Amino acid sequence: MSTAWTVVVVTGIVTLALKAAGPVLLGGRPLPDPVARFVALLGPALLAALVATTTLASGTRLVLDARAVGVAAAALAVWRRAPVLLAVGIAAAVTALARVV
């Protein structure tokens, strides 16, 4: 397993542990606001790290290729409030077009 995947798995396990520890340690009381905000941001941060490493890395090298163009197109589509499924289709089409060119 690569270092990136190890980090992803460990972060996922820590996220689950934090989410489970709250109810166990607090006995049904809500988490304090700073902790709740931190836990809420772990999932999106993990997803962003996974997308970034998958898109911009090839082995141990930084690579800017058609994948980056596709992710940028999807980000633009989501920013313009396109549905997620449409953004995925746009990303696939733009990536394929960039590879052909």
N, C-alpha and C. Protein backbone atom coordinates (compact mmCIF):
# COMPACT_ATOMS: atom_id res chain seq x y z
N MET A 1 0.85 -1.17 0.00
CA MET A 1 0.00 0.00 0.00
C MET A 1 0.89 1.23 0.00
N SER A 2 0.53 2.22 -0.82
CA SER A 2 1.34 3.43 -0.92
C SER A 2 1.14 4.30 0.32
N THR A 3 2.00 5.28 0.46
CA THR A 3 1.93 6.20 1.59
C THR A 3 0.63 6.98 1.56
N ALA A 4 0.20 7.40 0.36
CA ALA A 4 -1.04 8.17 0.25
C ALA A 4 -2.23 7.36 0.74
N TRP A 5 -2.30 6.11 0.34
CA TRP A 5 -3.41 5.28 0.78
C TRP A 5 -3.34 4.99 2.27
N THR A 6 -2.14 4.85 2.79
CA THR A 6 -1.99 4.65 4.23
C THR A 6 -2.54 5.86 4.98
N VAL A 7 -2.22 7.05 4.51
CA VAL A 7 -2.73 8.27 5.14
C VAL A 7 -4.25 8.33 5.04
N VAL A 8 -4.79 7.97 3.89
CA VAL A 8 -6.25 7.97 3.71
C VAL A 8 -6.91 7.00 4.68
N VAL A 9 -6.39 5.79 4.78
CA VAL A 9 -6.98 4.79 5.66
C VAL A 9 -6.87 5.22 7.13
N VAL A 10 -5.70 5.71 7.53
CA VAL A 10 -5.51 6.14 8.93
C VAL A 10 -6.44 7.31 9.24
N THR A 11 -6.56 8.25 8.32
CA THR A 11 -7.46 9.39 8.54
C THR A 11 -8.90 8.92 8.66
N GLY A 12 -9.29 7.97 7.83
CA GLY A 12 -10.64 7.42 7.93
C GLY A 12 -10.89 6.75 9.26
N ILE A 13 -9.92 5.99 9.73
CA ILE A 13 -10.07 5.31 11.02
C ILE A 13 -10.14 6.33 12.16
N VAL A 14 -9.31 7.36 12.10
CA VAL A 14 -9.35 8.41 13.13
C VAL A 14 -10.69 9.13 13.10
N THR A 15 -11.21 9.38 11.90
CA THR A 15 -12.52 10.03 11.77
C THR A 15 -13.61 9.19 12.44
N LEU A 16 -13.61 7.90 12.13
CA LEU A 16 -14.60 7.01 12.75
C LEU A 16 -14.43 6.96 14.27
N ALA A 17 -13.19 6.92 14.73
CA ALA A 17 -12.95 6.87 16.17
C ALA A 17 -13.44 8.14 16.85
N LEU A 18 -13.20 9.29 16.22
CA LEU A 18 -13.68 10.54 16.81
C LEU A 18 -15.20 10.59 16.85
N LYS A 19 -15.83 10.14 15.77
CA LYS A 19 -17.29 10.15 15.74
C LYS A 19 -17.87 9.17 16.77
N ALA A 20 -17.22 8.07 16.99
CA ALA A 20 -17.70 7.10 17.96
C ALA A 20 -17.38 7.54 19.39
N ALA A 21 -16.27 8.21 19.58
CA ALA A 21 -15.86 8.60 20.92
C ALA A 21 -16.77 9.66 21.51
N GLY A 22 -17.34 10.51 20.67
CA GLY A 22 -18.21 11.57 21.19
C GLY A 22 -19.36 11.04 22.00
N PRO A 23 -20.22 10.21 21.41
CA PRO A 23 -21.35 9.69 22.20
C PRO A 23 -20.91 8.83 23.38
N VAL A 24 -19.84 8.08 23.21
CA VAL A 24 -19.38 7.20 24.30
C VAL A 24 -18.87 8.03 25.48
N LEU A 25 -18.05 9.02 25.20
CA LEU A 25 -17.46 9.81 26.27
C LEU A 25 -18.42 10.83 26.87
N LEU A 26 -19.32 11.35 26.05
CA LEU A 26 -20.21 12.40 26.54
C LEU A 26 -21.54 11.88 27.04
N GLY A 27 -21.83 10.61 26.82
CA GLY A 27 -23.06 10.01 27.33
C GLY A 27 -24.33 10.64 26.81
N GLY A 28 -24.41 10.92 25.53
CA GLY A 28 -25.62 11.47 24.95
C GLY A 28 -25.65 12.98 24.87
N ARG A 29 -24.73 13.64 25.54
CA ARG A 29 -24.67 15.10 25.44
C ARG A 29 -24.04 15.48 24.10
N PRO A 30 -24.39 16.61 23.53
CA PRO A 30 -23.79 17.00 22.25
C PRO A 30 -22.31 17.35 22.42
N LEU A 31 -21.57 17.19 21.32
CA LEU A 31 -20.15 17.54 21.34
C LEU A 31 -20.00 19.04 21.51
N PRO A 32 -18.90 19.49 22.12
CA PRO A 32 -18.64 20.93 22.17
C PRO A 32 -18.50 21.47 20.74
N ASP A 33 -18.88 22.71 20.54
CA ASP A 33 -18.88 23.29 19.19
C ASP A 33 -17.55 23.17 18.45
N PRO A 34 -16.40 23.48 19.07
CA PRO A 34 -15.14 23.35 18.32
C PRO A 34 -14.88 21.92 17.84
N VAL A 35 -15.20 20.95 18.67
CA VAL A 35 -14.98 19.55 18.30
C VAL A 35 -15.96 19.14 17.20
N ALA A 36 -17.20 19.56 17.30
CA ALA A 36 -18.20 19.23 16.28
C ALA A 36 -17.81 19.82 14.92
N ARG A 37 -17.32 21.05 14.92
CA ARG A 37 -16.88 21.67 13.65
C ARG A 37 -15.70 20.92 13.07
N PHE A 38 -14.77 20.51 13.92
CA PHE A 38 -13.60 19.76 13.46
C PHE A 38 -14.01 18.42 12.85
N VAL A 39 -14.88 17.70 13.51
CA VAL A 39 -15.32 16.39 13.03
C VAL A 39 -16.10 16.54 11.73
N ALA A 40 -16.90 17.58 11.62
CA ALA A 40 -17.68 17.80 10.40
C ALA A 40 -16.78 18.06 9.19
N LEU A 41 -15.61 18.63 9.41
CA LEU A 41 -14.71 18.96 8.29
C LEU A 41 -13.78 17.82 7.90
N LEU A 42 -13.71 16.76 8.70
CA LEU A 42 -12.79 15.66 8.38
C LEU A 42 -13.17 14.93 7.10
N GLY A 43 -14.44 14.66 6.89
CA GLY A 43 -14.89 13.95 5.68
C GLY A 43 -14.57 14.70 4.40
N PRO A 44 -14.97 15.97 4.28
CA PRO A 44 -14.63 16.73 3.07
C PRO A 44 -13.12 16.88 2.87
N ALA A 45 -12.37 17.03 3.96
CA ALA A 45 -10.92 17.15 3.83
C ALA A 45 -10.31 15.86 3.30
N LEU A 46 -10.81 14.73 3.78
CA LEU A 46 -10.33 13.44 3.31
C LEU A 46 -10.65 13.25 1.83
N LEU A 47 -11.85 13.60 1.42
CA LEU A 47 -12.24 13.49 0.01
C LEU A 47 -11.38 14.41 -0.86
N ALA A 48 -11.14 15.62 -0.41
CA ALA A 48 -10.31 16.55 -1.17
C ALA A 48 -8.88 16.03 -1.32
N ALA A 49 -8.34 15.45 -0.26
CA ALA A 49 -6.99 14.89 -0.33
C ALA A 49 -6.93 13.71 -1.29
N LEU A 50 -7.96 12.88 -1.27
CA LEU A 50 -8.00 11.74 -2.18
C LEU A 50 -8.08 12.19 -3.63
N VAL A 51 -8.93 13.18 -3.92
CA VAL A 51 -9.05 13.70 -5.28
C VAL A 51 -7.73 14.34 -5.71
N ALA A 52 -7.11 15.11 -4.84
CA ALA A 52 -5.86 15.78 -5.20
C ALA A 52 -4.75 14.78 -5.49
N THR A 53 -4.61 13.77 -4.66
CA THR A 53 -3.52 12.82 -4.88
C THR A 53 -3.78 11.96 -6.11
N THR A 54 -5.04 11.61 -6.35
CA THR A 54 -5.37 10.81 -7.52
C THR A 54 -5.20 11.61 -8.80
N THR A 55 -5.52 12.88 -8.75
CA THR A 55 -5.47 13.73 -9.94
C THR A 55 -4.07 14.22 -10.26
N LEU A 56 -3.32 14.60 -9.27
CA LEU A 56 -2.06 15.30 -9.51
C LEU A 56 -0.81 14.45 -9.29
N ALA A 57 -0.96 13.19 -8.95
CA ALA A 57 0.21 12.37 -8.68
C ALA A 57 0.25 11.16 -9.59
N SER A 58 1.46 10.82 -9.97
CA SER A 58 1.72 9.58 -10.70
C SER A 58 2.93 8.95 -10.05
N GLY A 59 2.68 7.98 -9.20
CA GLY A 59 3.78 7.42 -8.41
C GLY A 59 4.22 8.44 -7.39
N THR A 60 5.47 8.84 -7.49
CA THR A 60 6.00 9.84 -6.56
C THR A 60 6.20 11.20 -7.24
N ARG A 61 5.69 11.32 -8.46
CA ARG A 61 5.89 12.56 -9.23
C ARG A 61 4.61 13.38 -9.29
N LEU A 62 4.75 14.68 -9.35
CA LEU A 62 3.64 15.59 -9.57
C LEU A 62 3.40 15.68 -11.07
N VAL A 63 2.16 15.46 -11.50
CA VAL A 63 1.84 15.42 -12.93
C VAL A 63 0.62 16.29 -13.20
N LEU A 64 0.73 17.16 -14.18
CA LEU A 64 -0.41 17.93 -14.66
C LEU A 64 -0.75 17.41 -16.04
N ASP A 65 -1.86 16.65 -16.14
CA ASP A 65 -2.24 16.08 -17.41
C ASP A 65 -3.75 16.24 -17.60
N ALA A 66 -4.33 15.38 -18.42
CA ALA A 66 -5.75 15.48 -18.75
C ALA A 66 -6.64 15.32 -17.52
N ARG A 67 -6.18 14.58 -16.53
CA ARG A 67 -6.99 14.41 -15.32
C ARG A 67 -7.21 15.74 -14.62
N ALA A 68 -6.18 16.55 -14.54
CA ALA A 68 -6.30 17.86 -13.90
C ALA A 68 -7.27 18.75 -14.66
N VAL A 69 -7.23 18.67 -15.98
CA VAL A 69 -8.15 19.47 -16.79
C VAL A 69 -9.59 19.02 -16.52
N GLY A 70 -9.82 17.72 -16.43
CA GLY A 70 -11.16 17.20 -16.15
C GLY A 70 -11.67 17.61 -14.79
N VAL A 71 -10.82 17.54 -13.77
CA VAL A 71 -11.23 17.95 -12.43
C VAL A 71 -11.52 19.44 -12.39
N ALA A 72 -10.73 20.23 -13.11
CA ALA A 72 -10.98 21.67 -13.17
C ALA A 72 -12.32 21.94 -13.85
N ALA A 73 -12.64 21.21 -14.90
CA ALA A 73 -13.93 21.38 -15.57
C ALA A 73 -15.08 20.99 -14.65
N ALA A 74 -14.92 19.92 -13.89
CA ALA A 74 -15.96 19.51 -12.95
C ALA A 74 -16.12 20.55 -11.84
N ALA A 75 -15.01 21.08 -11.35
CA ALA A 75 -15.07 22.11 -10.31
C ALA A 75 -15.81 23.34 -10.83
N LEU A 76 -15.54 23.72 -12.06
CA LEU A 76 -16.23 24.86 -12.66
C LEU A 76 -17.72 24.58 -12.80
N ALA A 77 -18.07 23.36 -13.21
CA ALA A 77 -19.48 22.99 -13.36
C ALA A 77 -20.19 23.02 -12.01
N VAL A 78 -19.57 22.50 -10.98
CA VAL A 78 -20.18 22.50 -9.65
C VAL A 78 -20.30 23.93 -9.13
N TRP A 79 -19.29 24.73 -9.39
CA TRP A 79 -19.32 26.14 -8.98
C TRP A 79 -20.48 26.87 -9.65
N ARG A 80 -20.79 26.48 -10.89
CA ARG A 80 -21.90 27.10 -11.62
C ARG A 80 -23.23 26.42 -11.30
N ARG A 81 -23.23 25.59 -10.25
CA ARG A 81 -24.42 24.94 -9.72
C ARG A 81 -24.99 23.85 -10.62
N ALA A 82 -24.14 23.18 -11.37
CA ALA A 82 -24.59 22.04 -12.17
C ALA A 82 -24.81 20.85 -11.24
N PRO A 83 -25.73 19.95 -11.58
CA PRO A 83 -25.89 18.74 -10.77
C PRO A 83 -24.61 17.90 -10.78
N VAL A 84 -24.40 17.16 -9.72
CA VAL A 84 -23.16 16.40 -9.56
C VAL A 84 -22.98 15.40 -10.71
N LEU A 85 -24.06 14.73 -11.10
CA LEU A 85 -23.97 13.76 -12.19
C LEU A 85 -23.54 14.43 -13.50
N LEU A 86 -24.05 15.61 -13.76
CA LEU A 86 -23.64 16.37 -14.95
C LEU A 86 -22.18 16.77 -14.84
N ALA A 87 -21.74 17.18 -13.66
CA ALA A 87 -20.34 17.56 -13.46
C ALA A 87 -19.41 16.38 -13.72
N VAL A 88 -19.81 15.20 -13.29
CA VAL A 88 -19.00 13.99 -13.55
C VAL A 88 -18.94 13.72 -15.05
N GLY A 89 -20.07 13.86 -15.74
CA GLY A 89 -20.08 13.67 -17.19
C GLY A 89 -19.21 14.69 -17.91
N ILE A 90 -19.27 15.93 -17.47
CA ILE A 90 -18.43 16.98 -18.05
C ILE A 90 -16.96 16.66 -17.82
N ALA A 91 -16.63 16.22 -16.61
CA ALA A 91 -15.24 15.88 -16.30
C ALA A 91 -14.75 14.75 -17.20
N ALA A 92 -15.57 13.74 -17.38
CA ALA A 92 -15.18 12.61 -18.24
C ALA A 92 -15.00 13.05 -19.68
N ALA A 93 -15.93 13.86 -20.18
CA ALA A 93 -15.83 14.32 -21.57
C ALA A 93 -14.62 15.22 -21.78
N VAL A 94 -14.38 16.13 -20.87
CA VAL A 94 -13.24 17.05 -21.00
C VAL A 94 -11.92 16.28 -20.88
N THR A 95 -11.87 15.32 -19.97
CA THR A 95 -10.66 14.50 -19.83
C THR A 95 -10.39 13.70 -21.11
N ALA A 96 -11.43 13.10 -21.66
CA ALA A 96 -11.26 12.34 -22.91
C ALA A 96 -10.81 13.24 -24.04
N LEU A 97 -11.42 14.41 -24.15
CA LEU A 97 -11.04 15.36 -25.20
C LEU A 97 -9.58 15.81 -25.03
N ALA A 98 -9.20 16.08 -23.78
CA ALA A 98 -7.81 16.51 -23.53
C ALA A 98 -6.81 15.40 -23.87
N ARG A 99 -7.19 14.16 -23.63
CA ARG A 99 -6.29 13.04 -23.97
C ARG A 99 -6.17 12.87 -25.47
N VAL A 100 -7.25 13.13 -26.20
CA VAL A 100 -7.21 13.03 -27.66
C VAL A 100 -6.32 14.12 -28.22
N VAL A 101 -6.44 15.31 -27.67
CA VAL A 101 -5.64 16.45 -28.15
C VAL A 101 -4.21 16.24 -27.71
